PDB file of N, CA and C in Angstrom:
ATOM      1  N   MET A   1       9.886   2.292  -4.893  1.00  0.00           N
ATOM      2  CA  MET A   1       9.795   1.861  -3.523  1.00  0.00           C
ATOM      3  C   MET A   1       8.359   1.472  -3.232  1.00  0.00           C
ATOM      4  N   PRO A   2       8.181   0.358  -2.608  1.00  0.00           N
ATOM      5  CA  PRO A   2       6.807  -0.012  -2.255  1.00  0.00           C
ATOM      6  C   PRO A   2       6.287   0.881  -1.140  1.00  0.00           C
ATOM      7  N   PHE A   3       5.022   0.760  -0.880  1.00  0.00           N
ATOM      8  CA  PHE A   3       4.414   1.517   0.201  1.00  0.00           C
ATOM      9  C   PHE A   3       4.355   0.652   1.450  1.00  0.00           C
ATOM     10  N   LYS A   4       4.202   1.300   2.586  1.00  0.00           N
ATOM     11  CA  LYS A   4       3.976   0.606   3.845  1.00  0.00           C
ATOM     12  C   LYS A   4       2.866   1.346   4.575  1.00  0.00           C
ATOM     13  N   ILE A   5       2.239   0.662   5.501  1.00  0.00           N
ATOM     14  CA  ILE A   5       1.172   1.248   6.304  1.00  0.00           C
ATOM     15  C   ILE A   5       1.719   1.465   7.703  1.00  0.00           C
ATOM     16  N   ILE A   6       1.579   2.677   8.191  1.00  0.00           N
ATOM     17  CA  ILE A   6       1.995   2.993   9.555  1.00  0.00           C
ATOM     18  C   ILE A   6       0.964   2.367  10.493  1.00  0.00           C
ATOM     19  N   ALA A   7       1.335   1.283  11.140  1.00  0.00           N
ATOM     20  CA  ALA A   7       0.396   0.495  11.956  1.00  0.00           C
ATOM     21  C   ALA A   7      -0.276   1.318  13.045  1.00  0.00           C
ATOM     22  N   SER A   8       0.447   2.217  13.656  1.00  0.00           N
ATOM     23  CA  SER A   8      -0.127   3.004  14.753  1.00  0.00           C
ATOM     24  C   SER A   8      -1.207   3.974  14.274  1.00  0.00           C
ATOM     25  N   GLN A   9      -1.265   4.234  12.979  1.00  0.00           N
ATOM     26  CA  GLN A   9      -2.261   5.147  12.417  1.00  0.00           C
ATOM     27  C   GLN A   9      -3.400   4.412  11.711  1.00  0.00           C
ATOM     28  N   CYS A  10      -3.194   3.131  11.407  1.00  0.00           N
ATOM     29  CA  CYS A  10      -4.199   2.357  10.675  1.00  0.00           C
ATOM     30  C   CYS A  10      -5.428   2.133  11.557  1.00  0.00           C
ATOM     31  N   THR A  11      -6.596   2.462  11.021  1.00  0.00           N
ATOM     32  CA  THR A  11      -7.846   2.288  11.766  1.00  0.00           C
ATOM     33  C   THR A  11      -8.459   0.908  11.534  1.00  0.00           C
ATOM     34  N   GLY A  12      -7.887   0.135  10.615  1.00  0.00           N
ATOM     35  CA  GLY A  12      -8.430  -1.185  10.307  1.00  0.00           C
ATOM     36  C   GLY A  12      -9.695  -1.132   9.484  1.00  0.00           C
ATOM     37  N   CYS A  13      -9.901  -0.040   8.764  1.00  0.00           N
ATOM     38  CA  CYS A  13     -11.146   0.138   8.006  1.00  0.00           C
ATOM     39  C   CYS A  13     -11.257  -0.804   6.810  1.00  0.00           C
ATOM     40  N   SER A  14     -10.157  -1.316   6.316  1.00  0.00           N
ATOM     41  CA  SER A  14     -10.068  -2.258   5.185  1.00  0.00           C
ATOM     42  C   SER A  14     -10.361  -1.640   3.819  1.00  0.00           C
ATOM     43  N   ALA A  15     -10.430  -0.330   3.709  1.00  0.00           N
ATOM     44  CA  ALA A  15     -10.711   0.316   2.426  1.00  0.00           C
ATOM     45  C   ALA A  15      -9.637  -0.001   1.381  1.00  0.00           C
ATOM     46  N   CYS A  16      -8.417  -0.157   1.811  1.00  0.00           N
ATOM     47  CA  CYS A  16      -7.300  -0.360   0.888  1.00  0.00           C
ATOM     48  C   CYS A  16      -7.206  -1.781   0.343  1.00  0.00           C
ATOM     49  N   GLU A  17      -7.514  -2.753   1.158  1.00  0.00           N
ATOM     50  CA  GLU A  17      -7.270  -4.155   0.808  1.00  0.00           C
ATOM     51  C   GLU A  17      -7.889  -4.587  -0.525  1.00  0.00           C
ATOM     52  N   PRO A  18      -9.178  -4.372  -0.764  1.00  0.00           N
ATOM     53  CA  PRO A  18      -9.762  -4.864  -2.020  1.00  0.00           C
ATOM     54  C   PRO A  18      -9.315  -4.088  -3.261  1.00  0.00           C
ATOM     55  N   LEU A  19      -8.728  -2.919  -3.087  1.00  0.00           N
ATOM     56  CA  LEU A  19      -8.321  -2.111  -4.238  1.00  0.00           C
ATOM     57  C   LEU A  19      -6.901  -2.398  -4.720  1.00  0.00           C
ATOM     58  N   CYS A  20      -6.135  -3.131  -3.962  1.00  0.00           N
ATOM     59  CA  CYS A  20      -4.754  -3.416  -4.348  1.00  0.00           C
ATOM     60  C   CYS A  20      -4.723  -4.392  -5.518  1.00  0.00           C
ATOM     61  N   PRO A  21      -4.179  -3.985  -6.667  1.00  0.00           N
ATOM     62  CA  PRO A  21      -4.174  -4.860  -7.839  1.00  0.00           C
ATOM     63  C   PRO A  21      -3.207  -6.035  -7.712  1.00  0.00           C
ATOM     64  N   ASN A  22      -2.325  -5.991  -6.726  1.00  0.00           N
ATOM     65  CA  ASN A  22      -1.322  -7.043  -6.553  1.00  0.00           C
ATOM     66  C   ASN A  22      -1.577  -7.939  -5.348  1.00  0.00           C
ATOM     67  N   VAL A  23      -2.704  -7.743  -4.681  1.00  0.00           N
ATOM     68  CA  VAL A  23      -3.052  -8.501  -3.477  1.00  0.00           C
ATOM     69  C   VAL A  23      -1.892  -8.434  -2.476  1.00  0.00           C
ATOM     70  N   ALA A  24      -1.326  -7.234  -2.332  1.00  0.00           N
ATOM     71  CA  ALA A  24      -0.186  -7.026  -1.442  1.00  0.00           C
ATOM     72  C   ALA A  24      -0.609  -6.596  -0.046  1.00  0.00           C
ATOM     73  N   ILE A  25      -1.869  -6.264   0.145  1.00  0.00           N
ATOM     74  CA  ILE A  25      -2.339  -5.756   1.436  1.00  0.00           C
ATOM     75  C   ILE A  25      -3.133  -6.848   2.152  1.00  0.00           C
ATOM     76  N   TYR A  26      -2.793  -7.059   3.416  1.00  0.00           N
ATOM     77  CA  TYR A  26      -3.478  -8.074   4.207  1.00  0.00           C
ATOM     78  C   TYR A  26      -3.609  -7.597   5.648  1.00  0.00           C
ATOM     79  N   GLU A  27      -4.580  -8.172   6.348  1.00  0.00           N
ATOM     80  CA  GLU A  27      -4.833  -7.807   7.737  1.00  0.00           C
ATOM     81  C   GLU A  27      -3.943  -8.648   8.647  1.00  0.00           C
ATOM     82  N   LYS A  28      -3.373  -7.984   9.636  1.00  0.00           N
ATOM     83  CA  LYS A  28      -2.527  -8.674  10.612  1.00  0.00           C
ATOM     84  C   LYS A  28      -2.684  -7.969  11.954  1.00  0.00           C
ATOM     85  N   GLY A  29      -3.231  -8.653  12.922  1.00  0.00           N
ATOM     86  CA  GLY A  29      -3.379  -8.097  14.260  1.00  0.00           C
ATOM     87  C   GLY A  29      -4.297  -6.892  14.352  1.00  0.00           C
ATOM     88  N   GLY A  30      -5.309  -6.847  13.500  1.00  0.00           N
ATOM     89  CA  GLY A  30      -6.267  -5.751  13.551  1.00  0.00           C
ATOM     90  C   GLY A  30      -5.908  -4.535  12.714  1.00  0.00           C
ATOM     91  N   THR A  31      -4.714  -4.540  12.125  1.00  0.00           N
ATOM     92  CA  THR A  31      -4.320  -3.465  11.212  1.00  0.00           C
ATOM     93  C   THR A  31      -3.904  -4.101   9.894  1.00  0.00           C
ATOM     94  N   PHE A  32      -3.708  -3.283   8.907  1.00  0.00           N
ATOM     95  CA  PHE A  32      -3.342  -3.796   7.597  1.00  0.00           C
ATOM     96  C   PHE A  32      -1.861  -3.570   7.326  1.00  0.00           C
ATOM     97  N   THR A  33      -1.294  -4.487   6.557  1.00  0.00           N
ATOM     98  CA  THR A  33       0.123  -4.486   6.230  1.00  0.00           C
ATOM     99  C   THR A  33       0.270  -4.642   4.726  1.00  0.00           C
ATOM    100  N   ILE A  34       1.317  -4.055   4.173  1.00  0.00           N
ATOM    101  CA  ILE A  34       1.613  -4.199   2.748  1.00  0.00           C
ATOM    102  C   ILE A  34       2.854  -5.072   2.595  1.00  0.00           C
ATOM    103  N   ASP A  35       2.739  -6.123   1.791  1.00  0.00           N
ATOM    104  CA  ASP A  35       3.877  -6.983   1.494  1.00  0.00           C
ATOM    105  C   ASP A  35       4.757  -6.252   0.485  1.00  0.00           C
ATOM    106  N   PRO A  36       5.950  -5.810   0.880  1.00  0.00           N
ATOM    107  CA  PRO A  36       6.782  -5.019  -0.024  1.00  0.00           C
ATOM    108  C   PRO A  36       7.251  -5.789  -1.259  1.00  0.00           C
ATOM    109  N   LYS A  37       7.252  -7.103  -1.186  1.00  0.00           N
ATOM    110  CA  LYS A  37       7.653  -7.907  -2.343  1.00  0.00           C
ATOM    111  C   LYS A  37       6.575  -7.942  -3.418  1.00  0.00           C
ATOM    112  N   LYS A  38       5.337  -7.648  -3.031  1.00  0.00           N
ATOM    113  CA  LYS A  38       4.215  -7.647  -3.983  1.00  0.00           C
ATOM    114  C   LYS A  38       3.813  -6.247  -4.434  1.00  0.00           C
ATOM    115  N   CYS A  39       4.127  -5.231  -3.644  1.00  0.00           N
ATOM    116  CA  CYS A  39       3.699  -3.866  -3.952  1.00  0.00           C
ATOM    117  C   CYS A  39       4.477  -3.308  -5.140  1.00  0.00           C
ATOM    118  N   THR A  40       3.737  -2.797  -6.118  1.00  0.00           N
ATOM    119  CA  THR A  40       4.354  -2.175  -7.298  1.00  0.00           C
ATOM    120  C   THR A  40       4.008  -0.693  -7.380  1.00  0.00           C
ATOM    121  N   GLU A  41       3.496  -0.130  -6.287  1.00  0.00           N
ATOM    122  CA  GLU A  41       3.063   1.266  -6.247  1.00  0.00           C
ATOM    123  C   GLU A  41       1.917   1.517  -7.216  1.00  0.00           C
ATOM    124  N   CYS A  42       1.249   0.471  -7.634  1.00  0.00           N
ATOM    125  CA  CYS A  42       0.156   0.498  -8.613  1.00  0.00           C
ATOM    126  C   CYS A  42       0.620   0.924 -10.004  1.00  0.00           C
ATOM    127  N   VAL A  43       1.937   0.920 -10.228  1.00  0.00           N
ATOM    128  CA  VAL A  43       2.483   1.258 -11.547  1.00  0.00           C
ATOM    129  C   VAL A  43       1.939   0.250 -12.568  1.00  0.00           C
ATOM    130  N   GLY A  44       1.423   0.773 -13.658  1.00  0.00           N
ATOM    131  CA  GLY A  44       0.861  -0.070 -14.697  1.00  0.00           C
ATOM    132  C   GLY A  44      -0.618  -0.371 -14.496  1.00  0.00           C
ATOM    133  N   TYR A  45      -1.157   0.010 -13.344  1.00  0.00           N
ATOM    134  CA  TYR A  45      -2.569  -0.230 -13.042  1.00  0.00           C
ATOM    135  C   TYR A  45      -3.339   1.079 -12.876  1.00  0.00           C
ATOM    136  N   PHE A  46      -2.787   1.978 -12.053  1.00  0.00           N
ATOM    137  CA  PHE A  46      -3.464   3.235 -11.731  1.00  0.00           C
ATOM    138  C   PHE A  46      -2.461   4.388 -11.771  1.00  0.00           C
ATOM    139  N   ASP A  47      -2.972   5.602 -11.867  1.00  0.00           N
ATOM    140  CA  ASP A  47      -2.116   6.784 -11.879  1.00  0.00           C
ATOM    141  C   ASP A  47      -1.536   7.113 -10.511  1.00  0.00           C
ATOM    142  N   GLU A  48      -2.198   6.656  -9.464  1.00  0.00           N
ATOM    143  CA  GLU A  48      -1.697   6.878  -8.111  1.00  0.00           C
ATOM    144  C   GLU A  48      -1.926   5.615  -7.289  1.00  0.00           C
ATOM    145  N   PRO A  49      -1.117   5.387  -6.263  1.00  0.00           N
ATOM    146  CA  PRO A  49      -1.307   4.217  -5.412  1.00  0.00           C
ATOM    147  C   PRO A  49      -2.697   4.236  -4.769  1.00  0.00           C
ATOM    148  N   GLN A  50      -3.417   3.157  -4.919  1.00  0.00           N
ATOM    149  CA  GLN A  50      -4.792   3.112  -4.435  1.00  0.00           C
ATOM    150  C   GLN A  50      -4.891   3.119  -2.917  1.00  0.00           C
ATOM    151  N   CYS A  51      -3.894   2.563  -2.230  1.00  0.00           N
ATOM    152  CA  CYS A  51      -3.931   2.591  -0.760  1.00  0.00           C
ATOM    153  C   CYS A  51      -3.889   4.031  -0.258  1.00  0.00           C
ATOM    154  N   VAL A  52      -3.073   4.848  -0.900  1.00  0.00           N
ATOM    155  CA  VAL A  52      -2.969   6.262  -0.527  1.00  0.00           C
ATOM    156  C   VAL A  52      -4.271   6.982  -0.869  1.00  0.00           C
ATOM    157  N   ALA A  53      -4.823   6.684  -2.037  1.00  0.00           N
ATOM    158  CA  ALA A  53      -6.023   7.374  -2.515  1.00  0.00           C
ATOM    159  C   ALA A  53      -7.237   7.136  -1.625  1.00  0.00           C
ATOM    160  N   VAL A  54      -7.374   5.939  -1.054  1.00  0.00           N
ATOM    161  CA  VAL A  54      -8.587   5.622  -0.295  1.00  0.00           C
ATOM    162  C   VAL A  54      -8.424   5.678   1.220  1.00  0.00           C
ATOM    163  N   CYS A  55      -7.215   5.758   1.703  1.00  0.00           N
ATOM    164  CA  CYS A  55      -7.012   5.749   3.156  1.00  0.00           C
ATOM    165  C   CYS A  55      -7.630   6.997   3.785  1.00  0.00           C
ATOM    166  N   PRO A  56      -8.480   6.815   4.803  1.00  0.00           N
ATOM    167  CA  PRO A  56      -9.121   7.965   5.438  1.00  0.00           C
ATOM    168  C   PRO A  56      -8.206   8.741   6.391  1.00  0.00           C
ATOM    169  N   VAL A  57      -7.026   8.209   6.673  1.00  0.00           N
ATOM    170  CA  VAL A  57      -6.098   8.866   7.591  1.00  0.00           C
ATOM    171  C   VAL A  57      -4.861   9.315   6.800  1.00  0.00           C
ATOM    172  N   ASP A  58      -4.668  10.620   6.718  1.00  0.00           N
ATOM    173  CA  ASP A  58      -3.530  11.161   5.966  1.00  0.00           C
ATOM    174  C   ASP A  58      -2.203  10.600   6.464  1.00  0.00           C
ATOM    175  N   ASP A  59      -1.309  10.371   5.525  1.00  0.00           N
ATOM    176  CA  ASP A  59       0.057   9.921   5.813  1.00  0.00           C
ATOM    177  C   ASP A  59       0.123   8.597   6.560  1.00  0.00           C
ATOM    178  N   THR A  60      -0.830   7.712   6.290  1.00  0.00           N
ATOM    179  CA  THR A  60      -0.780   6.366   6.866  1.00  0.00           C
ATOM    180  C   THR A  60      -0.140   5.397   5.890  1.00  0.00           C
ATOM    181  N   CYS A  61      -0.424   5.542   4.610  1.00  0.00           N
ATOM    182  CA  CYS A  61       0.231   4.752   3.572  1.00  0.00           C
ATOM    183  C   CYS A  61       1.343   5.626   3.007  1.00  0.00           C
ATOM    184  N   VAL A  62       2.569   5.206   3.273  1.00  0.00           N
ATOM    185  CA  VAL A  62       3.730   6.012   2.903  1.00  0.00           C
ATOM    186  C   VAL A  62       4.757   5.161   2.169  1.00  0.00           C
ATOM    187  N   VAL A  63       5.659   5.820   1.462  1.00  0.00           N
ATOM    188  CA  VAL A  63       6.724   5.128   0.745  1.00  0.00           C
ATOM    189  C   VAL A  63       7.662   4.477   1.745  1.00  0.00           C
ATOM    190  N   ASP A  64       7.998   3.234   1.489  1.00  0.00           N
ATOM    191  CA  ASP A  64       8.955   2.493   2.326  1.00  0.00           C
ATOM    192  C   ASP A  64      10.328   2.628   1.680  1.00  0.00           C
ATOM    193  N   THR A  65      11.123   3.542   2.180  1.00  0.00           N
ATOM    194  CA  THR A  65      12.414   3.845   1.574  1.00  0.00           C
ATOM    195  C   THR A  65      13.463   2.758   1.792  1.00  0.00           C
ATOM    196  N   SER A  66      13.142   1.740   2.549  1.00  0.00           N
ATOM    197  CA  SER A  66      14.095   0.654   2.751  1.00  0.00           C
ATOM    198  C   SER A  66      14.091  -0.342   1.593  1.00  0.00           C
ATOM    199  N   TRP A  67      13.182  -0.153   0.623  1.00  0.00           N
ATOM    200  CA  TRP A  67      13.096  -1.005  -0.546  1.00  0.00           C
ATOM    201  C   TRP A  67      13.388  -0.190  -1.798  1.00  0.00           C
ATOM    202  N   PRO A  68      13.891  -0.821  -2.871  1.00  0.00           N
ATOM    203  CA  PRO A  68      14.172  -0.063  -4.104  1.00  0.00           C
ATOM    204  C   PRO A  68      12.913   0.354  -4.834  1.00  0.00           C
ATOM    205  N   ARG A  69      13.047   1.397  -5.631  1.00  0.00           N
ATOM    206  CA  ARG A  69      11.923   1.937  -6.430  1.00  0.00           C
ATOM    207  C   ARG A  69      11.569   0.936  -7.527  1.00  0.00           C
ATOM    208  N   ARG A  70      10.282   0.759  -7.769  1.00  0.00           N
ATOM    209  CA  ARG A  70       9.796  -0.137  -8.831  1.00  0.00           C
ATOM    210  C   ARG A  70       9.797   0.596 -10.159  1.00  0.00           C
ATOM    211  N   GLN A  71       9.969  -0.138 -11.226  1.00  0.00           N
ATOM    212  CA  GLN A  71       9.919   0.407 -12.571  1.00  0.00           C
ATOM    213  C   GLN A  71       8.805  -0.284 -13.344  1.00  0.00           C
ATOM    214  N   ALA A  72       8.116   0.469 -14.166  1.00  0.00           N
ATOM    215  CA  ALA A  72       7.065  -0.117 -15.009  1.00  0.00           C
ATOM    216  C   ALA A  72       7.706  -1.043 -16.033  1.00  0.00           C
ATOM    217  N   SER A  73       7.028  -2.141 -16.324  1.00  0.00           N
ATOM    218  CA  SER A  73       7.526  -3.063 -17.346  1.00  0.00           C
ATOM    219  C   SER A  73       7.366  -2.454 -18.719  1.00  0.00           C
ATOM    220  N   ALA A  74       8.317  -2.694 -19.566  1.00  0.00           N
ATOM    221  CA  ALA A  74       8.269  -2.144 -20.933  1.00  0.00           C
ATOM    222  C   ALA A  74       7.434  -2.994 -21.842  1.00  0.00           C
TER     223      ALA A  74
END
């Protein structure tokens, strides 16, 4: 499942955007959004999702359960 950013909690700090290996994070209306079609949960790049690792506000980058779980390529 890709991640999503809870807009009401996003401070707009932009810490997550440059760390996304899939360029899935972009600014929209002063907060950041994750494109679920591009998000791979950082599988194959990092041990943990970088948006979660760098976000200064706990539980702002969360799993979007409305999308299927991603699998690493073999």
